[in-house]
Amino acid sequence: MMREVEVNITGLVLTHHASVRMAQRSVSLQDAELITLIGTEVSDGYLVRAHDCQRIEMKLKQLLDRVRKLQGKRLVIAKGQIVTAYQASRRKQRRLLRNAQKSDLGE
């Protein structure tokens, strides 16, 4: 009879056998979750191919490029709605951060 350990990763149940093997092979639960996200589905699970790695590297690079373009951008939000968006000057950024720090300290 196969024992199951109730550990949930993306809706999957980790068996005792899998837990032991993953530990022996240095595959963490986070690694297993990532494999299911980026890997290619095969008949009995997932396989991460070189092509899958290249594809995710390209997407991550595109994401990093977008993130860099957002530096200094500000969203003003009120009551769960975006009121406006703009590029904050360095002076405005410093003032906003200074006021945020005061709020965090309870001043």
PDB file of N, CA and C in Angstrom:
ATOM      1  N   MET A   1       0.842  -1.183   0.000  1.00  0.00           N
ATOM      2  CA  MET A   1       0.000   0.000   0.000  1.00  0.00           C
ATOM      3  C   MET A   1       0.888   1.247   0.000  1.00  0.00           C
ATOM      4  N   MET A   2       0.576   2.210  -0.857  1.00  0.00           N
ATOM      5  CA  MET A   2       1.358   3.428  -0.987  1.00  0.00           C
ATOM      6  C   MET A   2       0.850   4.471   0.003  1.00  0.00           C
ATOM      7  N   ARG A   3       1.780   5.038   0.813  1.00  0.00           N
ATOM      8  CA  ARG A   3       1.428   6.113   1.739  1.00  0.00           C
ATOM      9  C   ARG A   3       1.547   7.429   1.023  1.00  0.00           C
ATOM     10  N   GLU A   4       0.675   8.362   1.370  1.00  0.00           N
ATOM     11  CA  GLU A   4       0.722   9.689   0.784  1.00  0.00           C
ATOM     12  C   GLU A   4       0.941  10.723   1.879  1.00  0.00           C
ATOM     13  N   VAL A   5       1.835  11.658   1.599  1.00  0.00           N
ATOM     14  CA  VAL A   5       2.068  12.785   2.483  1.00  0.00           C
ATOM     15  C   VAL A   5       1.232  13.933   1.926  1.00  0.00           C
ATOM     16  N   GLU A   6       0.400  14.539   2.744  1.00  0.00           N
ATOM     17  CA  GLU A   6      -0.516  15.588   2.285  1.00  0.00           C
ATOM     18  C   GLU A   6       0.197  16.927   2.142  1.00  0.00           C
ATOM     19  N   VAL A   7       1.013  17.059   1.125  1.00  0.00           N
ATOM     20  CA  VAL A   7       1.672  18.316   0.818  1.00  0.00           C
ATOM     21  C   VAL A   7       1.144  18.764  -0.532  1.00  0.00           C
ATOM     22  N   ASN A   8       0.573  19.953  -0.583  1.00  0.00           N
ATOM     23  CA  ASN A   8      -0.076  20.427  -1.786  1.00  0.00           C
ATOM     24  C   ASN A   8       0.836  21.354  -2.579  1.00  0.00           C
ATOM     25  N   ILE A   9       1.138  20.988  -3.796  1.00  0.00           N
ATOM     26  CA  ILE A   9       1.873  21.863  -4.713  1.00  0.00           C
ATOM     27  C   ILE A   9       1.066  21.915  -6.003  1.00  0.00           C
ATOM     28  N   THR A  10       0.546  23.059  -6.286  1.00  0.00           N
ATOM     29  CA  THR A  10      -0.306  23.279  -7.468  1.00  0.00           C
ATOM     30  C   THR A  10      -1.359  22.186  -7.625  1.00  0.00           C
ATOM     31  N   GLY A  11      -1.969  21.790  -6.516  1.00  0.00           N
ATOM     32  CA  GLY A  11      -3.046  20.804  -6.558  1.00  0.00           C
ATOM     33  C   GLY A  11      -2.572  19.370  -6.610  1.00  0.00           C
ATOM     34  N   LEU A  12      -1.284  19.128  -6.589  1.00  0.00           N
ATOM     35  CA  LEU A  12      -0.761  17.768  -6.636  1.00  0.00           C
ATOM     36  C   LEU A  12      -0.478  17.268  -5.231  1.00  0.00           C
ATOM     37  N   VAL A  13      -0.603  15.954  -5.048  1.00  0.00           N
ATOM     38  CA  VAL A  13      -0.300  15.329  -3.761  1.00  0.00           C
ATOM     39  C   VAL A  13       1.061  14.660  -3.877  1.00  0.00           C
ATOM     40  N   LEU A  14       1.915  14.903  -2.925  1.00  0.00           N
ATOM     41  CA  LEU A  14       3.263  14.356  -2.903  1.00  0.00           C
ATOM     42  C   LEU A  14       3.243  13.038  -2.145  1.00  0.00           C
ATOM     43  N   THR A  15       3.611  11.944  -2.811  1.00  0.00           N
ATOM     44  CA  THR A  15       3.644  10.646  -2.136  1.00  0.00           C
ATOM     45  C   THR A  15       4.892  10.550  -1.263  1.00  0.00           C
ATOM     46  N   HIS A  16       4.899   9.584  -0.366  1.00  0.00           N
ATOM     47  CA  HIS A  16       6.071   9.364   0.481  1.00  0.00           C
ATOM     48  C   HIS A  16       7.281   9.028  -0.394  1.00  0.00           C
ATOM     49  N   HIS A  17       7.073   8.173  -1.391  1.00  0.00           N
ATOM     50  CA  HIS A  17       8.153   7.799  -2.310  1.00  0.00           C
ATOM     51  C   HIS A  17       8.733   9.039  -2.994  1.00  0.00           C
ATOM     52  N   ALA A  18       7.852   9.904  -3.506  1.00  0.00           N
ATOM     53  CA  ALA A  18       8.310  11.116  -4.184  1.00  0.00           C
ATOM     54  C   ALA A  18       9.070  12.013  -3.222  1.00  0.00           C
ATOM     55  N   SER A  19       8.583  12.127  -2.004  1.00  0.00           N
ATOM     56  CA  SER A  19       9.246  12.960  -1.000  1.00  0.00           C
ATOM     57  C   SER A  19      10.673  12.486  -0.753  1.00  0.00           C
ATOM     58  N   VAL A  20      10.842  11.162  -0.609  1.00  0.00           N
ATOM     59  CA  VAL A  20      12.170  10.582  -0.372  1.00  0.00           C
ATOM     60  C   VAL A  20      13.065  10.811  -1.583  1.00  0.00           C
ATOM     61  N   ARG A  21      12.577  10.499  -2.775  1.00  0.00           N
ATOM     62  CA  ARG A  21      13.376  10.641  -3.997  1.00  0.00           C
ATOM     63  C   ARG A  21      13.747  12.097  -4.266  1.00  0.00           C
ATOM     64  N   MET A  22      12.814  12.993  -4.059  1.00  0.00           N
ATOM     65  CA  MET A  22      13.100  14.403  -4.283  1.00  0.00           C
ATOM     66  C   MET A  22      14.190  14.878  -3.332  1.00  0.00           C
ATOM     67  N   ALA A  23      14.132  14.427  -2.096  1.00  0.00           N
ATOM     68  CA  ALA A  23      15.164  14.796  -1.120  1.00  0.00           C
ATOM     69  C   ALA A  23      16.523  14.245  -1.556  1.00  0.00           C
ATOM     70  N   GLN A  24      16.551  13.005  -2.023  1.00  0.00           N
ATOM     71  CA  GLN A  24      17.806  12.388  -2.468  1.00  0.00           C
ATOM     72  C   GLN A  24      18.386  13.108  -3.679  1.00  0.00           C
ATOM     73  N   ARG A  25      17.511  13.638  -4.526  1.00  0.00           N
ATOM     74  CA  ARG A  25      17.938  14.238  -5.791  1.00  0.00           C
ATOM     75  C   ARG A  25      17.963  15.769  -5.743  1.00  0.00           C
ATOM     76  N   SER A  26      17.821  16.309  -4.548  1.00  0.00           N
ATOM     77  CA  SER A  26      17.869  17.760  -4.334  1.00  0.00           C
ATOM     78  C   SER A  26      16.853  18.513  -5.188  1.00  0.00           C
ATOM     79  N   VAL A  27      15.628  18.005  -5.245  1.00  0.00           N
ATOM     80  CA  VAL A  27      14.531  18.682  -5.935  1.00  0.00           C
ATOM     81  C   VAL A  27      13.569  19.164  -4.854  1.00  0.00           C
ATOM     82  N   SER A  28      13.484  20.478  -4.686  1.00  0.00           N
ATOM     83  CA  SER A  28      12.612  21.041  -3.652  1.00  0.00           C
ATOM     84  C   SER A  28      11.170  21.104  -4.144  1.00  0.00           C
ATOM     85  N   LEU A  29      10.255  21.368  -3.222  1.00  0.00           N
ATOM     86  CA  LEU A  29       8.856  21.550  -3.607  1.00  0.00           C
ATOM     87  C   LEU A  29       8.707  22.743  -4.542  1.00  0.00           C
ATOM     88  N   GLN A  30       9.477  23.797  -4.296  1.00  0.00           N
ATOM     89  CA  GLN A  30       9.435  24.967  -5.167  1.00  0.00           C
ATOM     90  C   GLN A  30       9.942  24.613  -6.567  1.00  0.00           C
ATOM     91  N   ASP A  31      10.979  23.749  -6.636  1.00  0.00           N
ATOM     92  CA  ASP A  31      11.476  23.297  -7.934  1.00  0.00           C
ATOM     93  C   ASP A  31      10.399  22.514  -8.675  1.00  0.00           C
ATOM     94  N   ALA A  32       9.705  21.633  -7.953  1.00  0.00           N
ATOM     95  CA  ALA A  32       8.650  20.825  -8.571  1.00  0.00           C
ATOM     96  C   ALA A  32       7.535  21.719  -9.114  1.00  0.00           C
ATOM     97  N   GLU A  33       7.171  22.732  -8.345  1.00  0.00           N
ATOM     98  CA  GLU A  33       6.143  23.655  -8.803  1.00  0.00           C
ATOM     99  C   GLU A  33       6.601  24.394 -10.059  1.00  0.00           C
ATOM    100  N   LEU A  34       7.857  24.823 -10.075  1.00  0.00           N
ATOM    101  CA  LEU A  34       8.398  25.514 -11.236  1.00  0.00           C
ATOM    102  C   LEU A  34       8.419  24.596 -12.460  1.00  0.00           C
ATOM    103  N   ILE A  35       8.763  23.334 -12.259  1.00  0.00           N
ATOM    104  CA  ILE A  35       8.769  22.363 -13.363  1.00  0.00           C
ATOM    105  C   ILE A  35       7.385  22.265 -13.990  1.00  0.00           C
ATOM    106  N   THR A  36       6.339  22.244 -13.143  1.00  0.00           N
ATOM    107  CA  THR A  36       4.978  22.147 -13.683  1.00  0.00           C
ATOM    108  C   THR A  36       4.576  23.428 -14.416  1.00  0.00           C
ATOM    109  N   LEU A  37       5.174  24.556 -14.046  1.00  0.00           N
ATOM    110  CA  LEU A  37       4.843  25.825 -14.694  1.00  0.00           C
ATOM    111  C   LEU A  37       5.561  26.033 -16.021  1.00  0.00           C
ATOM    112  N   ILE A  38       6.839  25.641 -16.089  1.00  0.00           N
ATOM    113  CA  ILE A  38       7.631  25.953 -17.282  1.00  0.00           C
ATOM    114  C   ILE A  38       7.896  24.745 -18.163  1.00  0.00           C
ATOM    115  N   GLY A  39       7.700  23.546 -17.649  1.00  0.00           N
ATOM    116  CA  GLY A  39       8.032  22.347 -18.399  1.00  0.00           C
ATOM    117  C   GLY A  39       7.019  22.014 -19.480  1.00  0.00           C
ATOM    118  N   THR A  40       7.414  21.070 -20.307  1.00  0.00           N
ATOM    119  CA  THR A  40       6.538  20.552 -21.358  1.00  0.00           C
ATOM    120  C   THR A  40       5.828  19.331 -20.813  1.00  0.00           C
ATOM    121  N   GLU A  41       4.513  19.307 -20.971  1.00  0.00           N
ATOM    122  CA  GLU A  41       3.739  18.173 -20.481  1.00  0.00           C
ATOM    123  C   GLU A  41       4.006  16.955 -21.358  1.00  0.00           C
ATOM    124  N   VAL A  42       4.348  15.847 -20.721  1.00  0.00           N
ATOM    125  CA  VAL A  42       4.551  14.568 -21.396  1.00  0.00           C
ATOM    126  C   VAL A  42       3.534  13.574 -20.845  1.00  0.00           C
ATOM    127  N   SER A  43       3.539  12.345 -21.337  1.00  0.00           N
ATOM    128  CA  SER A  43       2.489  11.381 -21.016  1.00  0.00           C
ATOM    129  C   SER A  43       2.264  11.180 -19.517  1.00  0.00           C
ATOM    130  N   ASP A  44       3.314  11.198 -18.716  1.00  0.00           N
ATOM    131  CA  ASP A  44       3.142  10.926 -17.287  1.00  0.00           C
ATOM    132  C   ASP A  44       3.671  12.035 -16.383  1.00  0.00           C
ATOM    133  N   GLY A  45       3.756  13.252 -16.893  1.00  0.00           N
ATOM    134  CA  GLY A  45       4.234  14.352 -16.060  1.00  0.00           C
ATOM    135  C   GLY A  45       4.769  15.502 -16.882  1.00  0.00           C
ATOM    136  N   TYR A  46       5.937  16.009 -16.497  1.00  0.00           N
ATOM    137  CA  TYR A  46       6.536  17.176 -17.140  1.00  0.00           C
ATOM    138  C   TYR A  46       8.019  16.936 -17.362  1.00  0.00           C
ATOM    139  N   LEU A  47       8.533  17.555 -18.416  1.00  0.00           N
ATOM    140  CA  LEU A  47       9.953  17.516 -18.733  1.00  0.00           C
ATOM    141  C   LEU A  47      10.376  18.938 -19.072  1.00  0.00           C
ATOM    142  N   VAL A  48      11.444  19.405 -18.446  1.00  0.00           N
ATOM    143  CA  VAL A  48      11.965  20.732 -18.761  1.00  0.00           C
ATOM    144  C   VAL A  48      13.070  20.561 -19.801  1.00  0.00           C
ATOM    145  N   ARG A  49      12.799  21.055 -21.004  1.00  0.00           N
ATOM    146  CA  ARG A  49      13.745  20.953 -22.112  1.00  0.00           C
ATOM    147  C   ARG A  49      14.572  22.230 -22.212  1.00  0.00           C
ATOM    148  N   ALA A  50      15.641  22.166 -22.958  1.00  0.00           N
ATOM    149  CA  ALA A  50      16.467  23.350 -23.188  1.00  0.00           C
ATOM    150  C   ALA A  50      15.614  24.452 -23.817  1.00  0.00           C
ATOM    151  N   HIS A  51      14.725  24.071 -24.712  1.00  0.00           N
ATOM    152  CA  HIS A  51      13.837  25.043 -25.364  1.00  0.00           C
ATOM    153  C   HIS A  51      12.944  25.739 -24.325  1.00  0.00           C
ATOM    154  N   ASP A  52      12.462  24.994 -23.328  1.00  0.00           N
ATOM    155  CA  ASP A  52      11.636  25.585 -22.271  1.00  0.00           C
ATOM    156  C   ASP A  52      12.439  26.616 -21.484  1.00  0.00           C
ATOM    157  N   CYS A  53      13.688  26.291 -21.196  1.00  0.00           N
ATOM    158  CA  CYS A  53      14.560  27.225 -20.466  1.00  0.00           C
ATOM    159  C   CYS A  53      14.814  28.482 -21.288  1.00  0.00           C
ATOM    160  N   GLN A  54      15.066  28.314 -22.584  1.00  0.00           N
ATOM    161  CA  GLN A  54      15.310  29.466 -23.454  1.00  0.00           C
ATOM    162  C   GLN A  54      14.070  30.356 -23.533  1.00  0.00           C
ATOM    163  N   ARG A  55      12.903  29.728 -23.619  1.00  0.00           N
ATOM    164  CA  ARG A  55      11.652  30.483 -23.710  1.00  0.00           C
ATOM    165  C   ARG A  55      11.427  31.304 -22.442  1.00  0.00           C
ATOM    166  N   ILE A  56      11.638  30.698 -21.273  1.00  0.00           N
ATOM    167  CA  ILE A  56      11.407  31.425 -20.021  1.00  0.00           C
ATOM    168  C   ILE A  56      12.468  32.504 -19.827  1.00  0.00           C
ATOM    169  N   GLU A  57      13.702  32.253 -20.252  1.00  0.00           N
ATOM    170  CA  GLU A  57      14.748  33.284 -20.178  1.00  0.00           C
ATOM    171  C   GLU A  57      14.362  34.504 -21.009  1.00  0.00           C
ATOM    172  N   MET A  58      13.801  34.268 -22.200  1.00  0.00           N
ATOM    173  CA  MET A  58      13.388  35.365 -23.067  1.00  0.00           C
ATOM    174  C   MET A  58      12.252  36.154 -22.414  1.00  0.00           C
ATOM    175  N   LYS A  59      11.282  35.441 -21.834  1.00  0.00           N
ATOM    176  CA  LYS A  59      10.154  36.116 -21.186  1.00  0.00           C
ATOM    177  C   LYS A  59      10.625  36.910 -19.971  1.00  0.00           C
ATOM    178  N   LEU A  60      11.558  36.354 -19.208  1.00  0.00           N
ATOM    179  CA  LEU A  60      12.084  37.071 -18.040  1.00  0.00           C
ATOM    180  C   LEU A  60      12.837  38.335 -18.476  1.00  0.00           C
ATOM    181  N   LYS A  61      13.588  38.236 -19.559  1.00  0.00           N
ATOM    182  CA  LYS A  61      14.301  39.408 -20.062  1.00  0.00           C
ATOM    183  C   LYS A  61      13.304  40.489 -20.470  1.00  0.00           C
ATOM    184  N   GLN A  62      12.234  40.089 -21.160  1.00  0.00           N
ATOM    185  CA  GLN A  62      11.216  41.053 -21.555  1.00  0.00           C
ATOM    186  C   GLN A  62      10.573  41.695 -20.330  1.00  0.00           C
ATOM    187  N   LEU A  63      10.315  40.893 -19.300  1.00  0.00           N
ATOM    188  CA  LEU A  63       9.733  41.420 -18.064  1.00  0.00           C
ATOM    189  C   LEU A  63      10.687  42.409 -17.394  1.00  0.00           C
ATOM    190  N   LEU A  64      11.973  42.063 -17.341  1.00  0.00           N
ATOM    191  CA  LEU A  64      12.958  42.970 -16.737  1.00  0.00           C
ATOM    192  C   LEU A  64      13.040  44.286 -17.503  1.00  0.00           C
ATOM    193  N   ASP A  65      12.963  44.213 -18.829  1.00  0.00           N
ATOM    194  CA  ASP A  65      12.973  45.439 -19.633  1.00  0.00           C
ATOM    195  C   ASP A  65      11.770  46.317 -19.287  1.00  0.00           C
ATOM    196  N   ARG A  66      10.605  45.704 -19.144  1.00  0.00           N
ATOM    197  CA  ARG A  66       9.401  46.457 -18.778  1.00  0.00           C
ATOM    198  C   ARG A  66       9.529  47.053 -17.386  1.00  0.00           C
ATOM    199  N   VAL A  67      10.109  46.288 -16.449  1.00  0.00           N
ATOM    200  CA  VAL A  67      10.284  46.768 -15.075  1.00  0.00           C
ATOM    201  C   VAL A  67      11.196  47.984 -15.054  1.00  0.00           C
ATOM    202  N   ARG A  68      12.284  47.918 -15.804  1.00  0.00           N
ATOM    203  CA  ARG A  68      13.223  49.059 -15.842  1.00  0.00           C
ATOM    204  C   ARG A  68      12.547  50.326 -16.352  1.00  0.00           C
ATOM    205  N   LYS A  69      11.641  50.185 -17.315  1.00  0.00           N
ATOM    206  CA  LYS A  69      10.939  51.344 -17.870  1.00  0.00           C
ATOM    207  C   LYS A  69       9.961  51.951 -16.866  1.00  0.00           C
ATOM    208  N   LEU A  70       9.601  51.200 -15.846  1.00  0.00           N
ATOM    209  CA  LEU A  70       8.648  51.689 -14.846  1.00  0.00           C
ATOM    210  C   LEU A  70       9.314  52.454 -13.708  1.00  0.00           C
ATOM    211  N   GLN A  71      10.629  52.457 -13.662  1.00  0.00           N
ATOM    212  CA  GLN A  71      11.326  53.141 -12.575  1.00  0.00           C
ATOM    213  C   GLN A  71      10.917  54.596 -12.514  1.00  0.00           C
ATOM    214  N   GLY A  72      10.472  55.030 -11.342  1.00  0.00           N
ATOM    215  CA  GLY A  72      10.067  56.415 -11.137  1.00  0.00           C
ATOM    216  C   GLY A  72       8.616  56.699 -11.457  1.00  0.00           C
ATOM    217  N   LYS A  73       7.917  55.741 -12.053  1.00  0.00           N
ATOM    218  CA  LYS A  73       6.498  55.956 -12.370  1.00  0.00           C
ATOM    219  C   LYS A  73       5.687  55.891 -11.077  1.00  0.00           C
ATOM    220  N   ARG A  74       4.625  56.680 -11.026  1.00  0.00           N
ATOM    221  CA  ARG A  74       3.784  56.721  -9.837  1.00  0.00           C
ATOM    222  C   ARG A  74       2.325  56.557 -10.223  1.00  0.00           C
ATOM    223  N   LEU A  75       1.620  55.743  -9.460  1.00  0.00           N
ATOM    224  CA  LEU A  75       0.164  55.625  -9.574  1.00  0.00           C
ATOM    225  C   LEU A  75      -0.440  56.257  -8.348  1.00  0.00           C
ATOM    226  N   VAL A  76      -1.433  57.094  -8.534  1.00  0.00           N
ATOM    227  CA  VAL A  76      -2.190  57.649  -7.414  1.00  0.00           C
ATOM    228  C   VAL A  76      -3.488  56.854  -7.371  1.00  0.00           C
ATOM    229  N   ILE A  77      -3.762  56.260  -6.194  1.00  0.00           N
ATOM    230  CA  ILE A  77      -4.932  55.398  -6.033  1.00  0.00           C
ATOM    231  C   ILE A  77      -5.790  55.919  -4.888  1.00  0.00           C
ATOM    232  N   ALA A  78      -7.090  56.004  -5.135  1.00  0.00           N
ATOM    233  CA  ALA A  78      -8.038  56.416  -4.102  1.00  0.00           C
ATOM    234  C   ALA A  78      -9.270  55.526  -4.204  1.00  0.00           C
ATOM    235  N   LYS A  79      -9.670  54.975  -3.070  1.00  0.00           N
ATOM    236  CA  LYS A  79     -10.867  54.125  -3.000  1.00  0.00           C
ATOM    237  C   LYS A  79     -10.826  52.988  -4.022  1.00  0.00           C
ATOM    238  N   GLY A  80      -9.632  52.405  -4.182  1.00  0.00           N
ATOM    239  CA  GLY A  80      -9.487  51.265  -5.079  1.00  0.00           C
ATOM    240  C   GLY A  80      -9.488  51.598  -6.551  1.00  0.00           C
ATOM    241  N   GLN A  81      -9.408  52.875  -6.890  1.00  0.00           N
ATOM    242  CA  GLN A  81      -9.402  53.288  -8.296  1.00  0.00           C
ATOM    243  C   GLN A  81      -8.136  54.058  -8.611  1.00  0.00           C
ATOM    244  N   ILE A  82      -7.600  53.841  -9.817  1.00  0.00           N
ATOM    245  CA  ILE A  82      -6.446  54.621 -10.268  1.00  0.00           C
ATOM    246  C   ILE A  82      -6.948  56.003 -10.662  1.00  0.00           C
ATOM    247  N   VAL A  83      -6.401  57.019  -9.986  1.00  0.00           N
ATOM    248  CA  VAL A  83      -6.799  58.402 -10.245  1.00  0.00           C
ATOM    249  C   VAL A  83      -5.941  58.995 -11.354  1.00  0.00           C
ATOM    250  N   THR A  84      -4.618  58.771 -11.278  1.00  0.00           N
ATOM    251  CA  THR A  84      -3.703  59.296 -12.289  1.00  0.00           C
ATOM    252  C   THR A  84      -2.406  58.514 -12.241  1.00  0.00           C
ATOM    253  N   ALA A  85      -1.571  58.717 -13.241  1.00  0.00           N
ATOM    254  CA  ALA A  85      -0.252  58.087 -13.325  1.00  0.00           C
ATOM    255  C   ALA A  85       0.702  59.095 -13.945  1.00  0.00           C
ATOM    256  N   TYR A  86       1.953  59.122 -13.430  1.00  0.00           N
ATOM    257  CA  TYR A  86       2.933  60.054 -13.994  1.00  0.00           C
ATOM    258  C   TYR A  86       4.337  59.656 -13.591  1.00  0.00           C
ATOM    259  N   GLN A  87       5.326  60.294 -14.228  1.00  0.00           N
ATOM    260  CA  GLN A  87       6.731  60.118 -13.887  1.00  0.00           C
ATOM    261  C   GLN A  87       7.053  61.079 -12.747  1.00  0.00           C
ATOM    262  N   ALA A  88       7.372  60.547 -11.581  1.00  0.00           N
ATOM    263  CA  ALA A  88       7.673  61.390 -10.422  1.00  0.00           C
ATOM    264  C   ALA A  88       9.110  61.904 -10.512  1.00  0.00           C
ATOM    265  N   SER A  89       9.277  63.176 -10.225  1.00  0.00           N
ATOM    266  CA  SER A  89      10.627  63.750 -10.201  1.00  0.00           C
ATOM    267  C   SER A  89      11.379  63.156  -9.010  1.00  0.00           C
ATOM    268  N   ARG A  90      12.706  63.296  -9.023  1.00  0.00           N
ATOM    269  CA  ARG A  90      13.502  62.781  -7.898  1.00  0.00           C
ATOM    270  C   ARG A  90      13.074  63.446  -6.590  1.00  0.00           C
ATOM    271  N   ARG A  91      12.805  64.721  -6.655  1.00  0.00           N
ATOM    272  CA  ARG A  91      12.372  65.457  -5.461  1.00  0.00           C
ATOM    273  C   ARG A  91      11.052  64.889  -4.929  1.00  0.00           C
ATOM    274  N   LYS A  92      10.114  64.648  -5.841  1.00  0.00           N
ATOM    275  CA  LYS A  92       8.814  64.103  -5.454  1.00  0.00           C
ATOM    276  C   LYS A  92       8.976  62.688  -4.876  1.00  0.00           C
ATOM    277  N   GLN A  93       9.853  61.889  -5.489  1.00  0.00           N
ATOM    278  CA  GLN A  93      10.094  60.530  -4.995  1.00  0.00           C
ATOM    279  C   GLN A  93      10.621  60.560  -3.567  1.00  0.00           C
ATOM    280  N   ARG A  94      11.590  61.444  -3.321  1.00  0.00           N
ATOM    281  CA  ARG A  94      12.155  61.554  -1.969  1.00  0.00           C
ATOM    282  C   ARG A  94      11.084  61.959  -0.963  1.00  0.00           C
ATOM    283  N   ARG A  95      10.258  62.924  -1.326  1.00  0.00           N
ATOM    284  CA  ARG A  95       9.198  63.388  -0.429  1.00  0.00           C
ATOM    285  C   ARG A  95       8.183  62.278  -0.148  1.00  0.00           C
ATOM    286  N   LEU A  96       7.788  61.563  -1.189  1.00  0.00           N
ATOM    287  CA  LEU A  96       6.832  60.463  -1.012  1.00  0.00           C
ATOM    288  C   LEU A  96       7.405  59.377  -0.093  1.00  0.00           C
ATOM    289  N   LEU A  97       8.672  59.029  -0.317  1.00  0.00           N
ATOM    290  CA  LEU A  97       9.303  57.987   0.494  1.00  0.00           C
ATOM    291  C   LEU A  97       9.499  58.446   1.937  1.00  0.00           C
ATOM    292  N   ARG A  98       9.866  59.699   2.120  1.00  0.00           N
ATOM    293  CA  ARG A  98      10.045  60.242   3.469  1.00  0.00           C
ATOM    294  C   ARG A  98       8.719  60.205   4.222  1.00  0.00           C
ATOM    295  N   ASN A  99       7.638  60.613   3.562  1.00  0.00           N
ATOM    296  CA  ASN A  99       6.319  60.596   4.198  1.00  0.00           C
ATOM    297  C   ASN A  99       5.845  59.173   4.481  1.00  0.00           C
ATOM    298  N   ALA A 100       6.176  58.240   3.586  1.00  0.00           N
ATOM    299  CA  ALA A 100       5.796  56.838   3.793  1.00  0.00           C
ATOM    300  C   ALA A 100       6.520  56.260   5.005  1.00  0.00           C
ATOM    301  N   GLN A 101       7.794  56.624   5.169  1.00  0.00           N
ATOM    302  CA  GLN A 101       8.572  56.135   6.309  1.00  0.00           C
ATOM    303  C   GLN A 101       7.998  56.694   7.614  1.00  0.00           C
ATOM    304  N   LYS A 102       7.596  57.946   7.605  1.00  0.00           N
ATOM    305  CA  LYS A 102       6.983  58.530   8.807  1.00  0.00           C
ATOM    306  C   LYS A 102       5.693  57.809   9.148  1.00  0.00           C
ATOM    307  N   SER A 103       4.914  57.466   8.129  1.00  0.00           N
ATOM    308  CA  SER A 103       3.645  56.739   8.365  1.00  0.00           C
ATOM    309  C   SER A 103       3.923  55.353   8.929  1.00  0.00           C
ATOM    310  N   ASP A 104       4.964  54.689   8.425  1.00  0.00           N
ATOM    311  CA  ASP A 104       5.312  53.360   8.911  1.00  0.00           C
ATOM    312  C   ASP A 104       5.761  53.392  10.364  1.00  0.00           C
ATOM    313  N   LEU A 105       6.390  54.474  10.771  1.00  0.00           N
ATOM    314  CA  LEU A 105       6.865  54.601  12.150  1.00  0.00           C
ATOM    315  C   LEU A 105       5.769  55.076  13.098  1.00  0.00           C
ATOM    316  N   GLY A 106       4.611  55.408  12.548  1.00  0.00           N
ATOM    317  CA  GLY A 106       3.504  55.836  13.377  1.00  0.00           C
ATOM    318  C   GLY A 106       3.599  57.280  13.829  1.00  0.00           C
ATOM    319  N   GLU A 107       4.350  58.038  13.118  1.00  0.00           N
ATOM    320  CA  GLU A 107       4.505  59.453  13.475  1.00  0.00           C
ATOM    321  C   GLU A 107       3.400  60.292  12.904  1.00  0.00           C
TER     322      GLU A 107
END
